[in-house]
């Protein structure tokens, strides 16, 4: 696996982990853990998509990361 593969895989794993923790009742969508996993995971997946020059996932993961960041900031403001 290349570095891009590792970055993308770890990013997607974090997003999936957040989802699994949410649907199993271990965390809520407004919980700090959920938001951080989504922010970091989506950012990593977006970065990998940029490196692969694959615009659809750059948009998807970029928006996902931005929504997570805004929600996280609102939590503290």
Protein backbone atom coordinates (compact mmCIF):
# COMPACT_ATOMS: atom_id res chain seq x y z
CA UNK A 1 0.00 0.00 0.00
CA UNK A 2 1.15 3.49 -0.79
CA UNK A 3 1.13 6.47 1.57
CA UNK A 4 -2.02 7.77 -0.15
CA UNK A 5 -3.72 4.40 0.45
CA UNK A 6 -2.80 4.51 4.14
CA UNK A 7 -4.05 8.07 4.59
CA UNK A 8 -7.33 7.31 2.85
CA UNK A 9 -7.82 4.00 4.66
CA UNK A 10 -7.19 5.49 8.10
CA UNK A 11 -9.48 8.41 7.31
CA UNK A 12 -12.34 6.18 6.18
CA UNK A 13 -11.78 3.91 9.19
CA UNK A 14 -12.27 6.89 11.53
CA UNK A 15 -15.48 7.91 9.78
CA UNK A 16 -16.80 4.35 9.97
CA UNK A 17 -15.77 4.06 13.61
CA UNK A 18 -17.74 7.22 14.44
CA UNK A 19 -20.76 5.79 12.62
CA UNK A 20 -20.51 2.39 14.34
CA UNK A 21 -20.14 4.01 17.76
CA UNK A 22 -23.19 6.15 17.03
CA UNK A 23 -25.50 3.39 15.81
CA UNK A 24 -24.52 1.10 18.68
CA UNK A 25 -25.33 3.84 21.20
CA UNK A 26 -21.75 4.32 22.40
CA UNK A 27 -21.68 7.98 21.36
CA UNK A 28 -24.06 10.66 20.14
CA UNK A 29 -23.80 12.88 17.09
CA UNK A 30 -23.02 15.94 19.21
CA UNK A 31 -20.37 14.16 21.30
CA UNK A 32 -16.79 15.41 21.10
CA UNK A 33 -15.47 11.96 20.12
CA UNK A 34 -17.96 11.66 17.24
CA UNK A 35 -17.14 15.12 15.90
CA UNK A 36 -13.38 14.70 16.14
CA UNK A 37 -13.43 11.27 14.48
CA UNK A 38 -15.50 12.69 11.63
CA UNK A 39 -13.37 15.83 11.26
CA UNK A 40 -10.02 14.05 11.22
CA UNK A 41 -11.30 11.09 9.20
CA UNK A 42 -12.96 13.22 6.53
CA UNK A 43 -9.92 15.51 6.35
CA UNK A 44 -7.61 12.54 5.80
CA UNK A 45 -9.94 11.00 3.19
CA UNK A 46 -10.17 14.40 1.47
CA UNK A 47 -6.38 14.73 1.44
CA UNK A 48 -6.01 11.25 -0.07
CA UNK A 49 -8.63 12.09 -2.71
CA UNK A 50 -6.73 15.27 -3.54
CA UNK A 51 -3.54 13.26 -3.97
CA UNK A 52 -5.40 10.89 -6.27
CA UNK A 53 -6.91 13.85 -8.14
CA UNK A 54 -10.44 12.44 -7.70
CA UNK A 55 -12.72 15.46 -7.48
CA UNK A 56 -16.02 13.75 -6.48
CA UNK A 57 -14.54 12.49 -3.22
CA UNK A 58 -12.61 15.71 -2.63
CA UNK A 59 -15.99 17.46 -2.63
CA UNK A 60 -17.72 14.79 -0.52
CA UNK A 61 -15.03 14.54 2.13
CA UNK A 62 -14.27 18.26 2.08
CA UNK A 63 -17.89 19.12 2.82
CA UNK A 64 -18.03 16.37 5.46
CA UNK A 65 -14.94 17.81 7.16
CA UNK A 66 -16.28 21.38 7.00
CA UNK A 67 -19.64 20.41 8.49
CA UNK A 68 -17.84 18.54 11.27
CA UNK A 69 -15.57 21.53 11.92
CA UNK A 70 -18.46 24.01 12.05
CA UNK A 71 -20.44 21.74 14.37
CA UNK A 72 -17.38 21.30 16.60
CA UNK A 73 -16.78 25.07 16.74
CA UNK A 74 -20.45 25.73 17.58
CA UNK A 75 -20.12 23.27 20.45
CA UNK A 76 -17.51 25.49 22.09
CA UNK A 77 -18.88 28.92 21.17
